[in-house]
Amino acid sequence: MLYTNNSNKMFFLFILFFSTMIAISANSWLSCWIGLEINLLSFIPLMSTPLNLLNSEASLKYFLTQSIASINFLFSIMFGLLVIKNFFFNNFVLILINSTLLVKMGSVPFHFWFPNVMEGLSWFNNFILMTWQKISPMILLSYCMNFNYLIFIMILNVLIGTIGSFNQSSLRKLMAFSSINNLGWMISALLVSKTLWLSYFLFYSMFLFIFCFIFYITNVFYINQLFNFNFNYYIKFTIMLNFLSLGGLPPFLGFFPKWLIINYLILNKFFVSTFIFIMSSLIMLFVYIRIIYSSFMFYFIKLKWFKLFMKNNLIPPIYFLNTISLLGMVLSTLFFF
């Protein structure tokens, strides 16, 4: 297994960036497959560290899953070249290619590897896995979409992501199922237009960056660790604002991209999908509010004796990031009125 240190981590990040550019700008499916393989081989060293066996286990699970998806993707391409003239097999090939790309991005019903891999990674690698690693599969998915199949998949994503968020004690698994839920929103945006998908993806990446940054500087991985913050309510307040924004509560910025998608779904008369999406957002808000309520209300004097190691030199940027979630009503007013 190949391990990295701080000196060559930037090199693999550089390769990770350009492999994604190769995959999304290629003019043939074989070049797209090569870009996906380079992307996989550049992300594995970033995941593995010699001091943590959980990272090595997660990197092995990720490698096996992505390798199987890559083999199926190559098989689908070669199979499609042989039977592309037949309409039935054409739809079958589209479903096959879409399924392999859904495996790569951790979508339902191929999502079982995603929370387990997330549990063994650091917050930096989790941020890459939930954001950057989804760009190539989703752009390639927009090139060949089976519309009816993806509508079924996006509804499953929001439902399974919501149900899986219940009774999670690990923040990494909670963020994994939240990512699955938001993946349903991104697929629905991709069915409408790439511009709408890009808007939602940028907003979602910004919220994930804030969460991963806060959890990184506070060394928090489980929900019960949030109770230790009873001496610093500003960090609790920041987590609360961003949880509500990620859930799509209207006064916050997270409501803005979801409002755009709901608007387009209603205009295209997807009333059932719109109802399921709104109800799943309400249930996710219930999950987030339950975490916020527990962390705010739980108080015990023994926790005053617990020492929390915090990277204090990184705390000042929170003051800037905390204001981002309060801009939702401003943007909504500018764009819609």
C-alpha atoms as a PDB file:
ATOM      1  CA  MET A   1       0.000   0.000   0.000  1.00  0.00           C
ATOM      2  CA  LEU A   2       1.298   3.424  -0.954  1.00  0.00           C
ATOM      3  CA  TYR A   3       1.373   6.017   1.819  1.00  0.00           C
ATOM      4  CA  THR A   4       1.786   9.772   1.526  1.00  0.00           C
ATOM      5  CA  ASN A   5       3.290  12.516   3.584  1.00  0.00           C
ATOM      6  CA  ASN A   6       2.878  16.266   3.381  1.00  0.00           C
ATOM      7  CA  SER A   7       5.517  16.623   0.679  1.00  0.00           C
ATOM      8  CA  ASN A   8       3.888  14.446  -1.984  1.00  0.00           C
ATOM      9  CA  LYS A   9       0.242  14.972  -0.991  1.00  0.00           C
ATOM     10  CA  MET A  10       0.082  18.060  -3.198  1.00  0.00           C
ATOM     11  CA  PHE A  11       1.335  15.996  -6.128  1.00  0.00           C
ATOM     12  CA  PHE A  12      -1.524  13.504  -5.795  1.00  0.00           C
ATOM     13  CA  LEU A  13      -4.021  16.358  -5.395  1.00  0.00           C
ATOM     14  CA  PHE A  14      -2.649  17.811  -8.627  1.00  0.00           C
ATOM     15  CA  ILE A  15      -3.115  14.454 -10.395  1.00  0.00           C
ATOM     16  CA  LEU A  16      -6.608  14.155  -8.871  1.00  0.00           C
ATOM     17  CA  PHE A  17      -7.577  17.525 -10.308  1.00  0.00           C
ATOM     18  CA  PHE A  18      -6.297  16.861 -13.820  1.00  0.00           C
ATOM     19  CA  SER A  19      -7.700  13.331 -13.959  1.00  0.00           C
ATOM     20  CA  THR A  20     -11.155  14.802 -13.411  1.00  0.00           C
ATOM     21  CA  MET A  21     -10.502  17.313 -16.183  1.00  0.00           C
ATOM     22  CA  ILE A  22      -9.463  14.459 -18.496  1.00  0.00           C
ATOM     23  CA  ALA A  23     -12.604  12.467 -17.725  1.00  0.00           C
ATOM     24  CA  ILE A  24     -15.112  15.294 -18.258  1.00  0.00           C
ATOM     25  CA  SER A  25     -13.431  16.781 -21.357  1.00  0.00           C
ATOM     26  CA  ALA A  26     -12.648  13.561 -23.233  1.00  0.00           C
ATOM     27  CA  ASN A  27     -14.098  13.004 -26.696  1.00  0.00           C
ATOM     28  CA  SER A  28     -14.417   9.217 -26.386  1.00  0.00           C
ATOM     29  CA  TRP A  29     -15.702   6.807 -23.769  1.00  0.00           C
ATOM     30  CA  LEU A  30     -12.337   5.077 -23.572  1.00  0.00           C
ATOM     31  CA  SER A  31     -10.668   8.365 -22.653  1.00  0.00           C
ATOM     32  CA  CYS A  32     -13.331   8.906 -19.996  1.00  0.00           C
ATOM     33  CA  TRP A  33     -12.532   5.475 -18.576  1.00  0.00           C
ATOM     34  CA  ILE A  34      -8.815   6.314 -18.494  1.00  0.00           C
ATOM     35  CA  GLY A  35      -9.574   9.569 -16.665  1.00  0.00           C
ATOM     36  CA  LEU A  36     -11.646   7.685 -14.077  1.00  0.00           C
ATOM     37  CA  GLU A  37      -8.853   5.178 -13.529  1.00  0.00           C
ATOM     38  CA  ILE A  38      -6.234   7.891 -13.030  1.00  0.00           C
ATOM     39  CA  ASN A  39      -8.626   9.592 -10.623  1.00  0.00           C
ATOM     40  CA  LEU A  40      -8.970   6.370  -8.620  1.00  0.00           C
ATOM     41  CA  LEU A  41      -5.226   5.707  -8.478  1.00  0.00           C
ATOM     42  CA  SER A  42      -4.491   9.278  -7.371  1.00  0.00           C
ATOM     43  CA  PHE A  43      -7.083   9.275  -4.562  1.00  0.00           C
ATOM     44  CA  ILE A  44      -5.992   5.964  -2.986  1.00  0.00           C
ATOM     45  CA  PRO A  45      -2.629   7.322  -1.685  1.00  0.00           C
ATOM     46  CA  LEU A  46      -4.422  10.315  -0.175  1.00  0.00           C
ATOM     47  CA  MET A  47      -6.692   7.987   1.796  1.00  0.00           C
ATOM     48  CA  SER A  48      -3.972   5.715   3.199  1.00  0.00           C
ATOM     49  CA  THR A  49      -1.908   6.638   6.243  1.00  0.00           C
ATOM     50  CA  PRO A  50       0.531   4.327   8.049  1.00  0.00           C
ATOM     51  CA  LEU A  51      -0.650   5.367  11.516  1.00  0.00           C
ATOM     52  CA  ASN A  52      -4.322   4.472  11.106  1.00  0.00           C
ATOM     53  CA  LEU A  53      -5.512   1.028  10.059  1.00  0.00           C
ATOM     54  CA  LEU A  54      -9.058   2.302   9.512  1.00  0.00           C
ATOM     55  CA  ASN A  55      -7.791   4.508   6.686  1.00  0.00           C
ATOM     56  CA  SER A  56      -6.090   1.535   5.042  1.00  0.00           C
ATOM     57  CA  GLU A  57      -9.250  -0.543   5.378  1.00  0.00           C
ATOM     58  CA  ALA A  58     -11.366   2.247   3.908  1.00  0.00           C
ATOM     59  CA  SER A  59      -8.940   2.731   1.013  1.00  0.00           C
ATOM     60  CA  LEU A  60      -9.047  -1.006   0.246  1.00  0.00           C
ATOM     61  CA  LYS A  61     -12.870  -1.015   0.249  1.00  0.00           C
ATOM     62  CA  TYR A  62     -12.893   2.046  -1.979  1.00  0.00           C
ATOM     63  CA  PHE A  63     -10.366   0.510  -4.374  1.00  0.00           C
ATOM     64  CA  LEU A  64     -12.298  -2.758  -4.733  1.00  0.00           C
ATOM     65  CA  THR A  65     -15.630  -1.033  -5.269  1.00  0.00           C
ATOM     66  CA  GLN A  66     -14.304   1.465  -7.791  1.00  0.00           C
ATOM     67  CA  SER A  67     -12.366  -1.247  -9.648  1.00  0.00           C
ATOM     68  CA  ILE A  68     -15.514  -3.334 -10.063  1.00  0.00           C
ATOM     69  CA  ALA A  69     -17.387  -0.243 -11.270  1.00  0.00           C
ATOM     70  CA  SER A  70     -14.598   0.567 -13.751  1.00  0.00           C
ATOM     71  CA  ILE A  71     -14.655  -2.969 -15.161  1.00  0.00           C
ATOM     72  CA  ASN A  72     -18.420  -2.795 -15.582  1.00  0.00           C
ATOM     73  CA  PHE A  73     -18.092   0.640 -17.191  1.00  0.00           C
ATOM     74  CA  LEU A  74     -15.574  -0.674 -19.742  1.00  0.00           C
ATOM     75  CA  PHE A  75     -17.776  -3.713 -20.411  1.00  0.00           C
ATOM     76  CA  SER A  76     -20.822  -1.469 -20.926  1.00  0.00           C
ATOM     77  CA  ILE A  77     -18.942   0.661 -23.451  1.00  0.00           C
ATOM     78  CA  MET A  78     -17.772  -2.353 -25.478  1.00  0.00           C
ATOM     79  CA  PHE A  79     -21.193  -3.996 -25.254  1.00  0.00           C
ATOM     80  CA  GLY A  80     -22.878  -0.780 -26.400  1.00  0.00           C
ATOM     81  CA  LEU A  81     -20.658  -0.510 -29.473  1.00  0.00           C
ATOM     82  CA  LEU A  82     -21.830  -3.927 -30.636  1.00  0.00           C
ATOM     83  CA  VAL A  83     -25.610  -3.576 -30.156  1.00  0.00           C
ATOM     84  CA  ILE A  84     -26.167   0.176 -30.403  1.00  0.00           C
ATOM     85  CA  LYS A  85     -28.465  -0.204 -33.434  1.00  0.00           C
ATOM     86  CA  ASN A  86     -31.133  -2.075 -31.485  1.00  0.00           C
ATOM     87  CA  PHE A  87     -33.496   0.224 -29.546  1.00  0.00           C
ATOM     88  CA  PHE A  88     -34.123  -2.215 -26.689  1.00  0.00           C
ATOM     89  CA  PHE A  89     -30.471  -2.942 -26.178  1.00  0.00           C
ATOM     90  CA  ASN A  90     -29.725   0.763 -26.486  1.00  0.00           C
ATOM     91  CA  ASN A  91     -31.880   1.484 -23.423  1.00  0.00           C
ATOM     92  CA  PHE A  92     -30.359  -1.507 -21.673  1.00  0.00           C
ATOM     93  CA  VAL A  93     -26.843  -0.194 -22.335  1.00  0.00           C
ATOM     94  CA  LEU A  94     -27.835   3.253 -21.039  1.00  0.00           C
ATOM     95  CA  ILE A  95     -29.141   1.709 -17.820  1.00  0.00           C
ATOM     96  CA  LEU A  96     -25.952  -0.346 -17.515  1.00  0.00           C
ATOM     97  CA  ILE A  97     -23.688   2.692 -17.987  1.00  0.00           C
ATOM     98  CA  ASN A  98     -25.823   4.773 -15.617  1.00  0.00           C
ATOM     99  CA  SER A  99     -25.648   2.044 -12.980  1.00  0.00           C
ATOM    100  CA  THR A 100     -21.848   1.865 -13.116  1.00  0.00           C
ATOM    101  CA  LEU A 101     -21.611   5.629 -12.741  1.00  0.00           C
ATOM    102  CA  LEU A 102     -24.055   5.487  -9.818  1.00  0.00           C
ATOM    103  CA  VAL A 103     -21.761   2.936  -8.156  1.00  0.00           C
ATOM    104  CA  LYS A 104     -18.836   5.326  -8.527  1.00  0.00           C
ATOM    105  CA  MET A 105     -20.671   8.220  -6.883  1.00  0.00           C
ATOM    106  CA  GLY A 106     -22.175   6.091  -4.082  1.00  0.00           C
ATOM    107  CA  SER A 107     -25.796   6.382  -5.113  1.00  0.00           C
ATOM    108  CA  VAL A 108     -28.709   4.182  -4.076  1.00  0.00           C
ATOM    109  CA  PRO A 109     -29.057   1.194  -4.563  1.00  0.00           C
ATOM    110  CA  PHE A 110     -25.254   0.859  -4.788  1.00  0.00           C
ATOM    111  CA  HIS A 111     -24.545   2.939  -1.702  1.00  0.00           C
ATOM    112  CA  PHE A 112     -23.560   0.288   0.856  1.00  0.00           C
ATOM    113  CA  TRP A 113     -19.827   0.922   0.515  1.00  0.00           C
ATOM    114  CA  PHE A 114     -20.150   4.689   0.930  1.00  0.00           C
ATOM    115  CA  PRO A 115     -20.899   5.061   4.698  1.00  0.00           C
ATOM    116  CA  ASN A 116     -18.317   2.396   5.589  1.00  0.00           C
ATOM    117  CA  VAL A 117     -15.593   4.136   3.616  1.00  0.00           C
ATOM    118  CA  MET A 118     -16.572   7.512   5.075  1.00  0.00           C
ATOM    119  CA  GLU A 119     -16.277   6.137   8.605  1.00  0.00           C
ATOM    120  CA  GLY A 120     -12.602   5.304   8.147  1.00  0.00           C
ATOM    121  CA  LEU A 121     -11.421   8.578   6.588  1.00  0.00           C
ATOM    122  CA  SER A 122     -10.355  11.955   7.913  1.00  0.00           C
ATOM    123  CA  TRP A 123     -12.527  15.024   7.403  1.00  0.00           C
ATOM    124  CA  PHE A 124     -10.279  16.268   4.594  1.00  0.00           C
ATOM    125  CA  ASN A 125     -10.661  13.024   2.634  1.00  0.00           C
ATOM    126  CA  ASN A 126     -14.374  12.933   3.427  1.00  0.00           C
ATOM    127  CA  PHE A 127     -14.759  16.367   1.895  1.00  0.00           C
ATOM    128  CA  ILE A 128     -13.014  15.208  -1.296  1.00  0.00           C
ATOM    129  CA  LEU A 129     -15.088  12.015  -1.422  1.00  0.00           C
ATOM    130  CA  MET A 130     -18.407  13.855  -0.975  1.00  0.00           C
ATOM    131  CA  THR A 131     -17.661  16.658  -3.458  1.00  0.00           C
ATOM    132  CA  TRP A 132     -14.813  16.350  -5.954  1.00  0.00           C
ATOM    133  CA  GLN A 133     -15.142  12.586  -6.519  1.00  0.00           C
ATOM    134  CA  LYS A 134     -18.744  13.059  -7.640  1.00  0.00           C
ATOM    135  CA  ILE A 135     -17.922  15.499 -10.447  1.00  0.00           C
ATOM    136  CA  SER A 136     -16.650  13.016 -13.039  1.00  0.00           C
ATOM    137  CA  PRO A 137     -19.455  10.427 -12.651  1.00  0.00           C
ATOM    138  CA  MET A 138     -22.180  13.078 -12.696  1.00  0.00           C
ATOM    139  CA  ILE A 139     -20.803  14.866 -15.766  1.00  0.00           C
ATOM    140  CA  LEU A 140     -20.487  11.536 -17.576  1.00  0.00           C
ATOM    141  CA  LEU A 141     -24.001  10.666 -16.420  1.00  0.00           C
ATOM    142  CA  SER A 142     -25.303  13.790 -18.159  1.00  0.00           C
ATOM    143  CA  TYR A 143     -23.906  12.499 -21.487  1.00  0.00           C
ATOM    144  CA  CYS A 144     -26.100   9.384 -21.530  1.00  0.00           C
ATOM    145  CA  MET A 145     -29.177   9.483 -19.318  1.00  0.00           C
ATOM    146  CA  ASN A 146     -32.069   7.074 -19.141  1.00  0.00           C
ATOM    147  CA  PHE A 147     -34.679   9.547 -17.941  1.00  0.00           C
ATOM    148  CA  ASN A 148     -37.197   7.147 -16.383  1.00  0.00           C
ATOM    149  CA  TYR A 149     -34.487   5.134 -14.633  1.00  0.00           C
ATOM    150  CA  LEU A 150     -32.879   8.227 -13.094  1.00  0.00           C
ATOM    151  CA  ILE A 151     -36.222   9.563 -11.834  1.00  0.00           C
ATOM    152  CA  PHE A 152     -36.666   6.311  -9.923  1.00  0.00           C
ATOM    153  CA  ILE A 153     -33.071   6.527  -8.637  1.00  0.00           C
ATOM    154  CA  MET A 154     -33.348  10.140  -7.432  1.00  0.00           C
ATOM    155  CA  ILE A 155     -36.506   9.335  -5.445  1.00  0.00           C
ATOM    156  CA  LEU A 156     -34.750   6.340  -3.873  1.00  0.00           C
ATOM    157  CA  ASN A 157     -31.778   8.523  -2.962  1.00  0.00           C
ATOM    158  CA  VAL A 158     -33.782  11.056  -1.000  1.00  0.00           C
ATOM    159  CA  LEU A 159     -35.757   8.318   0.770  1.00  0.00           C
ATOM    160  CA  ILE A 160     -32.821   6.055   1.695  1.00  0.00           C
ATOM    161  CA  GLY A 161     -30.653   9.033   2.647  1.00  0.00           C
ATOM    162  CA  THR A 162     -33.362  10.268   4.999  1.00  0.00           C
ATOM    163  CA  ILE A 163     -34.106   6.877   6.557  1.00  0.00           C
ATOM    164  CA  GLY A 164     -30.413   6.058   7.004  1.00  0.00           C
ATOM    165  CA  SER A 165     -29.802   9.299   8.909  1.00  0.00           C
ATOM    166  CA  PHE A 166     -31.875   8.118  11.858  1.00  0.00           C
ATOM    167  CA  ASN A 167     -30.139   6.702  14.949  1.00  0.00           C
ATOM    168  CA  GLN A 168     -26.643   7.546  13.727  1.00  0.00           C
ATOM    169  CA  SER A 169     -24.126   8.268  16.459  1.00  0.00           C
ATOM    170  CA  SER A 170     -21.265   8.912  14.039  1.00  0.00           C
ATOM    171  CA  LEU A 171     -21.100  12.306  12.371  1.00  0.00           C
ATOM    172  CA  ARG A 172     -19.241  10.832   9.396  1.00  0.00           C
ATOM    173  CA  LYS A 173     -22.005   8.300   8.722  1.00  0.00           C
ATOM    174  CA  LEU A 174     -24.598  11.032   9.230  1.00  0.00           C
ATOM    175  CA  MET A 175     -22.837  13.187   6.639  1.00  0.00           C
ATOM    176  CA  ALA A 176     -22.612  10.150   4.332  1.00  0.00           C
ATOM    177  CA  PHE A 177     -26.385   9.593   4.373  1.00  0.00           C
ATOM    178  CA  SER A 178     -26.901  13.342   4.063  1.00  0.00           C
ATOM    179  CA  SER A 179     -24.709  13.201   0.960  1.00  0.00           C
ATOM    180  CA  ILE A 180     -26.854  10.373  -0.425  1.00  0.00           C
ATOM    181  CA  ASN A 181     -29.950  12.489   0.213  1.00  0.00           C
ATOM    182  CA  ASN A 182     -28.443  15.496  -1.543  1.00  0.00           C
ATOM    183  CA  LEU A 183     -27.325  13.254  -4.391  1.00  0.00           C
ATOM    184  CA  GLY A 184     -30.995  12.756  -5.221  1.00  0.00           C
ATOM    185  CA  TRP A 185     -31.385  16.527  -5.459  1.00  0.00           C
ATOM    186  CA  MET A 186     -28.306  16.785  -7.694  1.00  0.00           C
ATOM    187  CA  ILE A 187     -29.549  14.060 -10.051  1.00  0.00           C
ATOM    188  CA  SER A 188     -32.886  15.861 -10.352  1.00  0.00           C
ATOM    189  CA  ALA A 189     -31.012  19.091 -11.108  1.00  0.00           C
ATOM    190  CA  LEU A 190     -28.934  17.236 -13.707  1.00  0.00           C
ATOM    191  CA  LEU A 191     -32.123  16.067 -15.441  1.00  0.00           C
ATOM    192  CA  VAL A 192     -33.174  19.701 -15.828  1.00  0.00           C
ATOM    193  CA  SER A 193     -29.933  21.396 -16.842  1.00  0.00           C
ATOM    194  CA  LYS A 194     -26.218  21.342 -16.114  1.00  0.00           C
ATOM    195  CA  THR A 195     -26.371  24.967 -14.970  1.00  0.00           C
ATOM    196  CA  LEU A 196     -28.862  24.105 -12.255  1.00  0.00           C
ATOM    197  CA  TRP A 197     -26.732  21.115 -11.226  1.00  0.00           C
ATOM    198  CA  LEU A 198     -23.627  23.287 -11.054  1.00  0.00           C
ATOM    199  CA  SER A 199     -25.420  25.845  -8.879  1.00  0.00           C
ATOM    200  CA  TYR A 200     -26.629  23.203  -6.438  1.00  0.00           C
ATOM    201  CA  PHE A 201     -23.254  21.468  -6.390  1.00  0.00           C
ATOM    202  CA  LEU A 202     -21.365  24.688  -5.581  1.00  0.00           C
ATOM    203  CA  PHE A 203     -23.715  25.577  -2.724  1.00  0.00           C
ATOM    204  CA  TYR A 204     -23.595  22.024  -1.351  1.00  0.00           C
ATOM    205  CA  SER A 205     -19.787  21.927  -1.574  1.00  0.00           C
ATOM    206  CA  MET A 206     -19.588  25.195   0.340  1.00  0.00           C
ATOM    207  CA  PHE A 207     -21.748  23.838   3.187  1.00  0.00           C
ATOM    208  CA  LEU A 208     -19.709  20.636   3.326  1.00  0.00           C
ATOM    209  CA  PHE A 209     -16.498  22.645   3.473  1.00  0.00           C
ATOM    210  CA  ILE A 210     -17.806  24.584   6.467  1.00  0.00           C
ATOM    211  CA  PHE A 211     -18.836  21.392   8.271  1.00  0.00           C
ATOM    212  CA  CYS A 212     -15.622  19.516   7.566  1.00  0.00           C
ATOM    213  CA  PHE A 213     -13.566  22.566   8.547  1.00  0.00           C
ATOM    214  CA  ILE A 214     -15.376  22.981  11.881  1.00  0.00           C
ATOM    215  CA  PHE A 215     -15.241  19.276  12.709  1.00  0.00           C
ATOM    216  CA  TYR A 216     -11.556  19.224  11.758  1.00  0.00           C
ATOM    217  CA  ILE A 217     -10.482  22.086  14.017  1.00  0.00           C
ATOM    218  CA  THR A 218     -12.514  20.669  16.916  1.00  0.00           C
ATOM    219  CA  ASN A 219     -11.527  16.992  16.378  1.00  0.00           C
ATOM    220  CA  VAL A 220     -15.151  15.849  16.518  1.00  0.00           C
ATOM    221  CA  PHE A 221     -16.269  12.542  14.976  1.00  0.00           C
ATOM    222  CA  TYR A 222     -19.307  11.535  17.069  1.00  0.00           C
ATOM    223  CA  ILE A 223     -22.490  13.311  18.087  1.00  0.00           C
ATOM    224  CA  ASN A 224     -21.893  12.927  21.827  1.00  0.00           C
ATOM    225  CA  GLN A 225     -18.662  14.913  21.430  1.00  0.00           C
ATOM    226  CA  LEU A 226     -20.764  17.963  20.612  1.00  0.00           C
ATOM    227  CA  PHE A 227     -21.838  18.020  24.262  1.00  0.00           C
ATOM    228  CA  ASN A 228     -18.284  18.998  25.230  1.00  0.00           C
ATOM    229  CA  PHE A 229     -18.757  22.416  23.682  1.00  0.00           C
ATOM    230  CA  ASN A 230     -20.767  23.789  26.610  1.00  0.00           C
ATOM    231  CA  PHE A 231     -17.996  26.327  27.245  1.00  0.00           C
ATOM    232  CA  ASN A 232     -18.030  27.667  23.678  1.00  0.00           C
ATOM    233  CA  TYR A 233     -21.524  28.394  22.439  1.00  0.00           C
ATOM    234  CA  TYR A 234     -20.339  30.229  19.339  1.00  0.00           C
ATOM    235  CA  ILE A 235     -19.116  26.977  17.776  1.00  0.00           C
ATOM    236  CA  LYS A 236     -22.433  25.353  18.687  1.00  0.00           C
ATOM    237  CA  PHE A 237     -24.261  28.277  17.127  1.00  0.00           C
ATOM    238  CA  THR A 238     -22.190  27.935  13.939  1.00  0.00           C
ATOM    239  CA  ILE A 239     -22.941  24.205  13.712  1.00  0.00           C
ATOM    240  CA  MET A 240     -26.634  24.918  14.287  1.00  0.00           C
ATOM    241  CA  LEU A 241     -26.812  27.527  11.510  1.00  0.00           C
ATOM    242  CA  ASN A 242     -25.072  25.302   8.998  1.00  0.00           C
ATOM    243  CA  PHE A 243     -27.159  22.232   9.895  1.00  0.00           C
ATOM    244  CA  LEU A 244     -30.323  24.259   9.319  1.00  0.00           C
ATOM    245  CA  SER A 245     -28.879  25.646   6.093  1.00  0.00           C
ATOM    246  CA  LEU A 246     -27.894  22.165   4.870  1.00  0.00           C
ATOM    247  CA  GLY A 247     -31.412  20.945   5.640  1.00  0.00           C
ATOM    248  CA  GLY A 248     -32.908  23.723   3.513  1.00  0.00           C
ATOM    249  CA  LEU A 249     -34.689  25.869   6.090  1.00  0.00           C
ATOM    250  CA  PRO A 250     -36.018  28.944   4.193  1.00  0.00           C
ATOM    251  CA  PRO A 251     -34.220  31.884   5.871  1.00  0.00           C
ATOM    252  CA  PHE A 252     -30.812  30.338   5.210  1.00  0.00           C
ATOM    253  CA  LEU A 253     -28.699  29.980   2.101  1.00  0.00           C
ATOM    254  CA  GLY A 254     -29.279  26.223   1.772  1.00  0.00           C
ATOM    255  CA  PHE A 255     -32.905  26.848   0.875  1.00  0.00           C
ATOM    256  CA  PHE A 256     -31.935  28.778  -2.263  1.00  0.00           C
ATOM    257  CA  PRO A 257     -30.680  25.882  -4.496  1.00  0.00           C
ATOM    258  CA  LYS A 258     -33.472  23.594  -3.282  1.00  0.00           C
ATOM    259  CA  TRP A 259     -35.990  26.302  -4.106  1.00  0.00           C
ATOM    260  CA  LEU A 260     -34.614  26.427  -7.651  1.00  0.00           C
ATOM    261  CA  ILE A 261     -35.002  22.661  -8.089  1.00  0.00           C
ATOM    262  CA  ILE A 262     -38.504  22.613  -6.590  1.00  0.00           C
ATOM    263  CA  ASN A 263     -39.487  25.453  -8.922  1.00  0.00           C
ATOM    264  CA  TYR A 264     -38.289  23.566 -12.022  1.00  0.00           C
ATOM    265  CA  LEU A 265     -39.900  20.300 -10.887  1.00  0.00           C
ATOM    266  CA  ILE A 266     -43.252  22.011 -10.433  1.00  0.00           C
ATOM    267  CA  LEU A 267     -42.975  23.748 -13.808  1.00  0.00           C
ATOM    268  CA  ASN A 268     -42.326  20.354 -15.444  1.00  0.00           C
ATOM    269  CA  LYS A 269     -45.296  18.849 -13.522  1.00  0.00           C
ATOM    270  CA  PHE A 270     -43.325  16.393 -11.382  1.00  0.00           C
ATOM    271  CA  PHE A 271     -45.730  16.842  -8.489  1.00  0.00           C
ATOM    272  CA  VAL A 272     -45.146  13.460  -6.840  1.00  0.00           C
ATOM    273  CA  SER A 273     -41.359  13.870  -6.937  1.00  0.00           C
ATOM    274  CA  THR A 274     -41.694  17.393  -5.557  1.00  0.00           C
ATOM    275  CA  PHE A 275     -43.820  16.179  -2.640  1.00  0.00           C
ATOM    276  CA  ILE A 276     -41.325  13.384  -1.818  1.00  0.00           C
ATOM    277  CA  PHE A 277     -38.400  15.817  -1.981  1.00  0.00           C
ATOM    278  CA  ILE A 278     -40.061  18.347   0.320  1.00  0.00           C
ATOM    279  CA  MET A 279     -41.096  15.718   2.855  1.00  0.00           C
ATOM    280  CA  SER A 280     -37.593  14.219   2.897  1.00  0.00           C
ATOM    281  CA  SER A 281     -36.140  17.676   3.570  1.00  0.00           C
ATOM    282  CA  LEU A 282     -38.502  18.133   6.500  1.00  0.00           C
ATOM    283  CA  ILE A 283     -37.469  14.772   7.964  1.00  0.00           C
ATOM    284  CA  MET A 284     -33.774  15.624   7.523  1.00  0.00           C
ATOM    285  CA  LEU A 285     -34.419  18.902   9.329  1.00  0.00           C
ATOM    286  CA  PHE A 286     -35.931  16.904  12.182  1.00  0.00           C
ATOM    287  CA  VAL A 287     -32.739  14.804  12.379  1.00  0.00           C
ATOM    288  CA  TYR A 288     -30.537  17.904  12.377  1.00  0.00           C
ATOM    289  CA  ILE A 289     -32.655  19.757  14.935  1.00  0.00           C
ATOM    290  CA  ARG A 290     -32.571  16.743  17.256  1.00  0.00           C
ATOM    291  CA  ILE A 291     -28.748  16.859  17.208  1.00  0.00           C
ATOM    292  CA  ILE A 292     -28.731  20.629  17.749  1.00  0.00           C
ATOM    293  CA  TYR A 293     -31.253  20.427  20.583  1.00  0.00           C
ATOM    294  CA  SER A 294     -29.250  17.731  22.373  1.00  0.00           C
ATOM    295  CA  SER A 295     -25.951  19.592  22.066  1.00  0.00           C
ATOM    296  CA  PHE A 296     -27.472  22.860  23.277  1.00  0.00           C
ATOM    297  CA  MET A 297     -29.536  21.488  26.135  1.00  0.00           C
ATOM    298  CA  PHE A 298     -27.284  18.769  27.479  1.00  0.00           C
ATOM    299  CA  TYR A 299     -25.308  20.094  30.433  1.00  0.00           C
ATOM    300  CA  PHE A 300     -23.252  18.299  33.044  1.00  0.00           C
ATOM    301  CA  ILE A 301     -20.657  19.836  35.298  1.00  0.00           C
ATOM    302  CA  LYS A 302     -18.211  16.942  34.843  1.00  0.00           C
ATOM    303  CA  LEU A 303     -17.785  17.974  31.222  1.00  0.00           C
ATOM    304  CA  LYS A 304     -16.006  21.082  32.495  1.00  0.00           C
ATOM    305  CA  TRP A 305     -13.094  18.839  33.400  1.00  0.00           C
ATOM    306  CA  PHE A 306     -12.748  17.386  29.921  1.00  0.00           C
ATOM    307  CA  LYS A 307      -9.978  18.946  27.896  1.00  0.00           C
ATOM    308  CA  LEU A 308     -10.834  19.464  24.242  1.00  0.00           C
ATOM    309  CA  PHE A 309      -7.866  19.815  21.925  1.00  0.00           C
ATOM    310  CA  MET A 310      -8.670  22.527  19.424  1.00  0.00           C
ATOM    311  CA  LYS A 311      -6.633  24.097  16.652  1.00  0.00           C
ATOM    312  CA  ASN A 312      -7.054  27.654  17.931  1.00  0.00           C
ATOM    313  CA  ASN A 313      -5.193  29.283  15.068  1.00  0.00           C
ATOM    314  CA  LEU A 314      -7.928  28.128  12.683  1.00  0.00           C
ATOM    315  CA  ILE A 315     -10.883  29.408  14.711  1.00  0.00           C
ATOM    316  CA  PRO A 316     -11.019  33.027  13.320  1.00  0.00           C
ATOM    317  CA  PRO A 317     -12.151  31.925   9.804  1.00  0.00           C
ATOM    318  CA  ILE A 318     -15.345  30.576  11.416  1.00  0.00           C
ATOM    319  CA  TYR A 319     -16.478  34.160  11.990  1.00  0.00           C
ATOM    320  CA  PHE A 320     -16.483  34.670   8.217  1.00  0.00           C
ATOM    321  CA  LEU A 321     -17.953  31.269   7.337  1.00  0.00           C
ATOM    322  CA  ASN A 322     -20.768  31.736   9.830  1.00  0.00           C
ATOM    323  CA  THR A 323     -22.165  34.697   7.895  1.00  0.00           C
ATOM    324  CA  ILE A 324     -22.444  32.742   4.628  1.00  0.00           C
ATOM    325  CA  SER A 325     -25.482  30.757   5.767  1.00  0.00           C
ATOM    326  CA  LEU A 326     -27.363  33.978   6.548  1.00  0.00           C
ATOM    327  CA  LEU A 327     -27.318  35.215   2.932  1.00  0.00           C
ATOM    328  CA  GLY A 328     -30.153  33.020   1.687  1.00  0.00           C
ATOM    329  CA  MET A 329     -32.934  35.562   1.895  1.00  0.00           C
ATOM    330  CA  VAL A 330     -30.791  38.209   0.203  1.00  0.00           C
ATOM    331  CA  LEU A 331     -30.051  35.977  -2.819  1.00  0.00           C
ATOM    332  CA  SER A 332     -33.651  34.773  -2.987  1.00  0.00           C
ATOM    333  CA  THR A 333     -34.878  38.366  -3.052  1.00  0.00           C
ATOM    334  CA  LEU A 334     -32.443  39.367  -5.799  1.00  0.00           C
ATOM    335  CA  PHE A 335     -33.220  36.406  -8.059  1.00  0.00           C
ATOM    336  CA  PHE A 336     -36.956  36.010  -7.645  1.00  0.00           C
ATOM    337  CA  PHE A 337     -38.374  39.477  -6.972  1.00  0.00           C
END
